[in-house]
Amino acid sequence: MELLKLATEWAKAEVFSTRFFILFAVGFLITSVGFWQMGKTDLAKAYIIPMLVAGVLLLVIGSGLNYTNVQRIKQFKKDFNTDSSAFYQSEIKRSESTLKEYTIVFKVIPILIIVATLLILLVNTPTWRAISITSIAMLIVILLVDGTAHSRIESYYKELKLVGIKNDIKK
């Protein structure tokens, strides 16, 4: 039962965390509307579409992750009650693969931020500046939320290992 509680607490924390994607998405969408309504300069008008796209992307990411984790919470109890050892093994595998994916994410996103920064410096048109600055802002949001998710899954993985040792669950 300790295993089920651990998994459920982790998934609930993920649900809370993914809602920040939705919160930031709303911020980007409101900003887009603000630039549309009040933007007078070419640069201000150039932000309308990039902010709208970033808002929609973050909304899709946040909604998808939120839905997935809510469904996962519902499935945990069924899977645990069916076969707790198989549930443990699947959670170990899933958390290991997720940790590997985060390694890639934390290498690719900084490279994208550097590319966007170089575009700001090298291309002097309002549209590309707005795209670059919006991209940097969106990527920073992703790094912030994923950074906390990474530390949470890392901690979850270590606790899973301890539960497995404590309960002598075979891997």
C-alpha atoms as a PDB file:
ATOM      1  CA  MET A   1       0.000   0.000   0.000  1.00  0.00           C
ATOM      2  CA  GLU A   2       2.960   2.296   0.607  1.00  0.00           C
ATOM      3  CA  LEU A   3       3.838   1.898  -3.090  1.00  0.00           C
ATOM      4  CA  LEU A   4       0.356   2.949  -4.219  1.00  0.00           C
ATOM      5  CA  LYS A   5       0.398   5.970  -1.913  1.00  0.00           C
ATOM      6  CA  LEU A   6       3.841   7.015  -3.194  1.00  0.00           C
ATOM      7  CA  ALA A   7       2.772   6.720  -6.844  1.00  0.00           C
ATOM      8  CA  THR A   8      -0.493   8.558  -6.256  1.00  0.00           C
ATOM      9  CA  GLU A   9       1.214  11.425  -4.408  1.00  0.00           C
ATOM     10  CA  TRP A  10       3.741  11.763  -7.224  1.00  0.00           C
ATOM     11  CA  ALA A  11       0.995  11.857  -9.875  1.00  0.00           C
ATOM     12  CA  LYS A  12      -1.029  14.424  -7.905  1.00  0.00           C
ATOM     13  CA  ALA A  13       2.066  16.636  -7.668  1.00  0.00           C
ATOM     14  CA  GLU A  14       2.462  16.266 -11.446  1.00  0.00           C
ATOM     15  CA  VAL A  15      -1.145  17.348 -11.973  1.00  0.00           C
ATOM     16  CA  PHE A  16      -0.515  20.445  -9.862  1.00  0.00           C
ATOM     17  CA  SER A  17       2.710  21.192 -11.737  1.00  0.00           C
ATOM     18  CA  THR A  18       1.239  20.796 -15.222  1.00  0.00           C
ATOM     19  CA  ARG A  19      -1.418  23.349 -14.410  1.00  0.00           C
ATOM     20  CA  PHE A  20       1.356  25.940 -14.468  1.00  0.00           C
ATOM     21  CA  PHE A  21       1.676  25.322 -18.208  1.00  0.00           C
ATOM     22  CA  ILE A  22      -1.996  26.232 -18.485  1.00  0.00           C
ATOM     23  CA  LEU A  23      -1.538  29.300 -16.275  1.00  0.00           C
ATOM     24  CA  PHE A  24       1.376  30.567 -18.365  1.00  0.00           C
ATOM     25  CA  ALA A  25      -0.569  29.746 -21.549  1.00  0.00           C
ATOM     26  CA  VAL A  26      -3.365  32.031 -20.398  1.00  0.00           C
ATOM     27  CA  GLY A  27      -0.756  34.719 -19.702  1.00  0.00           C
ATOM     28  CA  PHE A  28       0.666  34.416 -23.223  1.00  0.00           C
ATOM     29  CA  LEU A  29      -2.835  34.506 -24.736  1.00  0.00           C
ATOM     30  CA  ILE A  30      -3.800  37.600 -22.741  1.00  0.00           C
ATOM     31  CA  THR A  31      -0.546  39.242 -23.760  1.00  0.00           C
ATOM     32  CA  SER A  32      -1.299  38.467 -27.405  1.00  0.00           C
ATOM     33  CA  VAL A  33      -4.722  40.088 -27.094  1.00  0.00           C
ATOM     34  CA  GLY A  34      -3.109  43.057 -25.346  1.00  0.00           C
ATOM     35  CA  PHE A  35      -0.654  43.571 -28.196  1.00  0.00           C
ATOM     36  CA  TRP A  36      -3.505  43.177 -30.700  1.00  0.00           C
ATOM     37  CA  GLN A  37      -5.662  45.785 -28.955  1.00  0.00           C
ATOM     38  CA  MET A  38      -3.026  48.287 -27.853  1.00  0.00           C
ATOM     39  CA  GLY A  39       0.017  47.648 -30.048  1.00  0.00           C
ATOM     40  CA  LYS A  40       0.947  50.774 -31.962  1.00  0.00           C
ATOM     41  CA  THR A  41       4.519  50.102 -33.106  1.00  0.00           C
ATOM     42  CA  ASP A  42       5.642  47.499 -35.631  1.00  0.00           C
ATOM     43  CA  LEU A  43       7.416  45.544 -32.895  1.00  0.00           C
ATOM     44  CA  ALA A  44       4.325  45.499 -30.682  1.00  0.00           C
ATOM     45  CA  LYS A  45       2.171  44.297 -33.582  1.00  0.00           C
ATOM     46  CA  ALA A  46       4.762  41.633 -34.400  1.00  0.00           C
ATOM     47  CA  TYR A  47       4.186  40.004 -30.999  1.00  0.00           C
ATOM     48  CA  ILE A  48       0.525  39.150 -31.665  1.00  0.00           C
ATOM     49  CA  ILE A  49       1.015  35.895 -33.579  1.00  0.00           C
ATOM     50  CA  PRO A  50       4.098  34.558 -31.715  1.00  0.00           C
ATOM     51  CA  MET A  51       2.411  35.111 -28.341  1.00  0.00           C
ATOM     52  CA  LEU A  52      -0.759  33.458 -29.614  1.00  0.00           C
ATOM     53  CA  VAL A  53       1.192  30.444 -30.914  1.00  0.00           C
ATOM     54  CA  ALA A  54       3.202  30.126 -27.672  1.00  0.00           C
ATOM     55  CA  GLY A  55      -0.001  30.357 -25.636  1.00  0.00           C
ATOM     56  CA  VAL A  56      -1.708  27.667 -27.681  1.00  0.00           C
ATOM     57  CA  LEU A  57       1.367  25.399 -27.504  1.00  0.00           C
ATOM     58  CA  LEU A  58       1.607  25.749 -23.730  1.00  0.00           C
ATOM     59  CA  LEU A  59      -2.134  25.188 -23.422  1.00  0.00           C
ATOM     60  CA  VAL A  60      -1.907  21.983 -25.454  1.00  0.00           C
ATOM     61  CA  ILE A  61       1.114  20.766 -23.469  1.00  0.00           C
ATOM     62  CA  GLY A  62      -0.483  21.598 -20.123  1.00  0.00           C
ATOM     63  CA  SER A  63      -3.871  20.142 -20.980  1.00  0.00           C
ATOM     64  CA  GLY A  64      -2.359  16.962 -22.395  1.00  0.00           C
ATOM     65  CA  LEU A  65      -0.090  16.378 -19.419  1.00  0.00           C
ATOM     66  CA  ASN A  66      -2.873  17.237 -16.987  1.00  0.00           C
ATOM     67  CA  TYR A  67      -5.277  14.774 -18.635  1.00  0.00           C
ATOM     68  CA  THR A  68      -2.623  12.041 -18.789  1.00  0.00           C
ATOM     69  CA  ASN A  69      -1.736  12.361 -15.119  1.00  0.00           C
ATOM     70  CA  VAL A  70      -5.365  12.487 -13.966  1.00  0.00           C
ATOM     71  CA  GLN A  71      -5.996   9.262 -15.899  1.00  0.00           C
ATOM     72  CA  ARG A  72      -2.804   7.767 -14.466  1.00  0.00           C
ATOM     73  CA  ILE A  73      -4.035   8.389 -10.909  1.00  0.00           C
ATOM     74  CA  LYS A  74      -7.244   6.509 -11.702  1.00  0.00           C
ATOM     75  CA  GLN A  75      -5.320   3.627 -13.258  1.00  0.00           C
ATOM     76  CA  PHE A  76      -2.784   3.278 -10.422  1.00  0.00           C
ATOM     77  CA  LYS A  77      -5.215   1.675  -7.977  1.00  0.00           C
ATOM     78  CA  LYS A  78      -6.454  -0.829 -10.554  1.00  0.00           C
ATOM     79  CA  ASP A  79      -2.923  -1.784 -11.624  1.00  0.00           C
ATOM     80  CA  PHE A  80      -1.686  -2.034  -8.049  1.00  0.00           C
ATOM     81  CA  ASN A  81      -4.601  -4.237  -6.972  1.00  0.00           C
ATOM     82  CA  THR A  82      -4.183  -6.476 -10.016  1.00  0.00           C
ATOM     83  CA  ASP A  83      -0.458  -7.152  -9.520  1.00  0.00           C
ATOM     84  CA  SER A  84       1.600  -4.971  -7.184  1.00  0.00           C
ATOM     85  CA  SER A  85       4.910  -6.455  -8.348  1.00  0.00           C
ATOM     86  CA  ALA A  86       4.145  -5.744 -12.022  1.00  0.00           C
ATOM     87  CA  PHE A  87       2.951  -2.262 -11.030  1.00  0.00           C
ATOM     88  CA  TYR A  88       6.249  -1.651  -9.246  1.00  0.00           C
ATOM     89  CA  GLN A  89       8.267  -2.858 -12.241  1.00  0.00           C
ATOM     90  CA  SER A  90       6.296  -0.720 -14.670  1.00  0.00           C
ATOM     91  CA  GLU A  91       6.764   2.374 -12.498  1.00  0.00           C
ATOM     92  CA  ILE A  92      10.509   1.739 -12.240  1.00  0.00           C
ATOM     93  CA  LYS A  93      10.780   1.386 -16.035  1.00  0.00           C
ATOM     94  CA  ARG A  94       8.610   4.434 -16.676  1.00  0.00           C
ATOM     95  CA  SER A  95      10.534   6.646 -14.286  1.00  0.00           C
ATOM     96  CA  GLU A  96      13.891   5.474 -15.696  1.00  0.00           C
ATOM     97  CA  SER A  97      12.816   6.273 -19.256  1.00  0.00           C
ATOM     98  CA  THR A  98      11.401   9.635 -18.166  1.00  0.00           C
ATOM     99  CA  LEU A  99      14.690  10.536 -16.487  1.00  0.00           C
ATOM    100  CA  LYS A 100      16.526   9.748 -19.733  1.00  0.00           C
ATOM    101  CA  GLU A 101      14.119  11.948 -21.689  1.00  0.00           C
ATOM    102  CA  TYR A 102      14.749  14.866 -19.350  1.00  0.00           C
ATOM    103  CA  THR A 103      18.471  14.583 -20.029  1.00  0.00           C
ATOM    104  CA  ILE A 104      17.729  15.251 -23.696  1.00  0.00           C
ATOM    105  CA  VAL A 105      15.280  18.063 -22.909  1.00  0.00           C
ATOM    106  CA  PHE A 106      17.813  19.865 -20.724  1.00  0.00           C
ATOM    107  CA  LYS A 107      20.337  19.782 -23.561  1.00  0.00           C
ATOM    108  CA  VAL A 108      18.045  20.752 -26.445  1.00  0.00           C
ATOM    109  CA  ILE A 109      16.141  23.646 -24.837  1.00  0.00           C
ATOM    110  CA  PRO A 110      19.264  25.659 -23.903  1.00  0.00           C
ATOM    111  CA  ILE A 111      20.511  25.216 -27.476  1.00  0.00           C
ATOM    112  CA  LEU A 112      17.185  26.549 -28.782  1.00  0.00           C
ATOM    113  CA  ILE A 113      17.450  29.507 -26.402  1.00  0.00           C
ATOM    114  CA  ILE A 114      20.949  30.249 -27.721  1.00  0.00           C
ATOM    115  CA  VAL A 115      19.699  30.074 -31.324  1.00  0.00           C
ATOM    116  CA  ALA A 116      16.824  32.451 -30.526  1.00  0.00           C
ATOM    117  CA  THR A 117      19.246  34.827 -28.798  1.00  0.00           C
ATOM    118  CA  LEU A 118      21.514  34.818 -31.848  1.00  0.00           C
ATOM    119  CA  LEU A 119      18.518  35.593 -34.052  1.00  0.00           C
ATOM    120  CA  ILE A 120      17.780  38.654 -31.907  1.00  0.00           C
ATOM    121  CA  LEU A 121      21.346  39.827 -32.378  1.00  0.00           C
ATOM    122  CA  LEU A 122      21.676  39.013 -36.084  1.00  0.00           C
ATOM    123  CA  VAL A 123      18.234  39.691 -37.563  1.00  0.00           C
ATOM    124  CA  ASN A 124      16.883  43.178 -37.116  1.00  0.00           C
ATOM    125  CA  THR A 125      13.269  42.808 -38.223  1.00  0.00           C
ATOM    126  CA  PRO A 126      10.384  43.212 -35.754  1.00  0.00           C
ATOM    127  CA  THR A 127       8.817  39.860 -36.657  1.00  0.00           C
ATOM    128  CA  TRP A 128      11.962  37.813 -36.012  1.00  0.00           C
ATOM    129  CA  ARG A 129      12.710  39.715 -32.826  1.00  0.00           C
ATOM    130  CA  ALA A 130       9.195  39.047 -31.537  1.00  0.00           C
ATOM    131  CA  ILE A 131       9.423  35.363 -32.514  1.00  0.00           C
ATOM    132  CA  SER A 132      12.813  35.018 -30.835  1.00  0.00           C
ATOM    133  CA  ILE A 133      11.861  36.802 -27.624  1.00  0.00           C
ATOM    134  CA  THR A 134       8.570  34.907 -27.359  1.00  0.00           C
ATOM    135  CA  SER A 135      10.382  31.617 -28.002  1.00  0.00           C
ATOM    136  CA  ILE A 136      12.881  32.369 -25.260  1.00  0.00           C
ATOM    137  CA  ALA A 137      10.073  33.208 -22.827  1.00  0.00           C
ATOM    138  CA  MET A 138       8.171  30.020 -23.683  1.00  0.00           C
ATOM    139  CA  LEU A 139      11.285  27.854 -23.437  1.00  0.00           C
ATOM    140  CA  ILE A 140      12.121  29.339 -20.044  1.00  0.00           C
ATOM    141  CA  VAL A 141       8.618  28.463 -18.836  1.00  0.00           C
ATOM    142  CA  ILE A 142       9.122  24.912 -20.079  1.00  0.00           C
ATOM    143  CA  LEU A 143      12.509  24.714 -18.335  1.00  0.00           C
ATOM    144  CA  LEU A 144      11.059  25.993 -15.068  1.00  0.00           C
ATOM    145  CA  VAL A 145       8.151  23.557 -15.007  1.00  0.00           C
ATOM    146  CA  ASP A 146      10.204  20.635 -16.336  1.00  0.00           C
ATOM    147  CA  GLY A 147      12.992  21.390 -13.874  1.00  0.00           C
ATOM    148  CA  THR A 148      10.670  20.848 -10.953  1.00  0.00           C
ATOM    149  CA  ALA A 149       9.133  17.804 -12.652  1.00  0.00           C
ATOM    150  CA  HIS A 150      12.614  16.355 -13.194  1.00  0.00           C
ATOM    151  CA  SER A 151      13.574  16.706  -9.550  1.00  0.00           C
ATOM    152  CA  ARG A 152      10.219  15.231  -8.546  1.00  0.00           C
ATOM    153  CA  ILE A 153      10.594  12.154 -10.802  1.00  0.00           C
ATOM    154  CA  GLU A 154      14.175  11.718  -9.615  1.00  0.00           C
ATOM    155  CA  SER A 155      13.010  11.736  -6.010  1.00  0.00           C
ATOM    156  CA  TYR A 156      10.104   9.434  -6.891  1.00  0.00           C
ATOM    157  CA  TYR A 157      12.492   6.978  -8.556  1.00  0.00           C
ATOM    158  CA  LYS A 158      14.762   6.887  -5.492  1.00  0.00           C
ATOM    159  CA  GLU A 159      11.767   6.356  -3.197  1.00  0.00           C
ATOM    160  CA  LEU A 160      10.493   3.583  -5.482  1.00  0.00           C
ATOM    161  CA  LYS A 161      13.856   1.851  -5.162  1.00  0.00           C
ATOM    162  CA  LEU A 162      13.704   2.142  -1.373  1.00  0.00           C
ATOM    163  CA  VAL A 163      10.155   0.757  -1.275  1.00  0.00           C
ATOM    164  CA  GLY A 164      11.298  -2.123  -3.493  1.00  0.00           C
ATOM    165  CA  ILE A 165      14.208  -2.929  -1.187  1.00  0.00           C
ATOM    166  CA  LYS A 166      12.083  -2.552   1.925  1.00  0.00           C
ATOM    167  CA  ASN A 167       9.326  -4.816   0.580  1.00  0.00           C
ATOM    168  CA  ASP A 168      11.766  -7.132  -1.243  1.00  0.00           C
ATOM    169  CA  ILE A 169      10.073  -6.630  -4.599  1.00  0.00           C
ATOM    170  CA  LYS A 170      12.039  -8.335  -7.369  1.00  0.00           C
ATOM    171  CA  LYS A 171      12.919  -6.235 -10.352  1.00  0.00           C
END
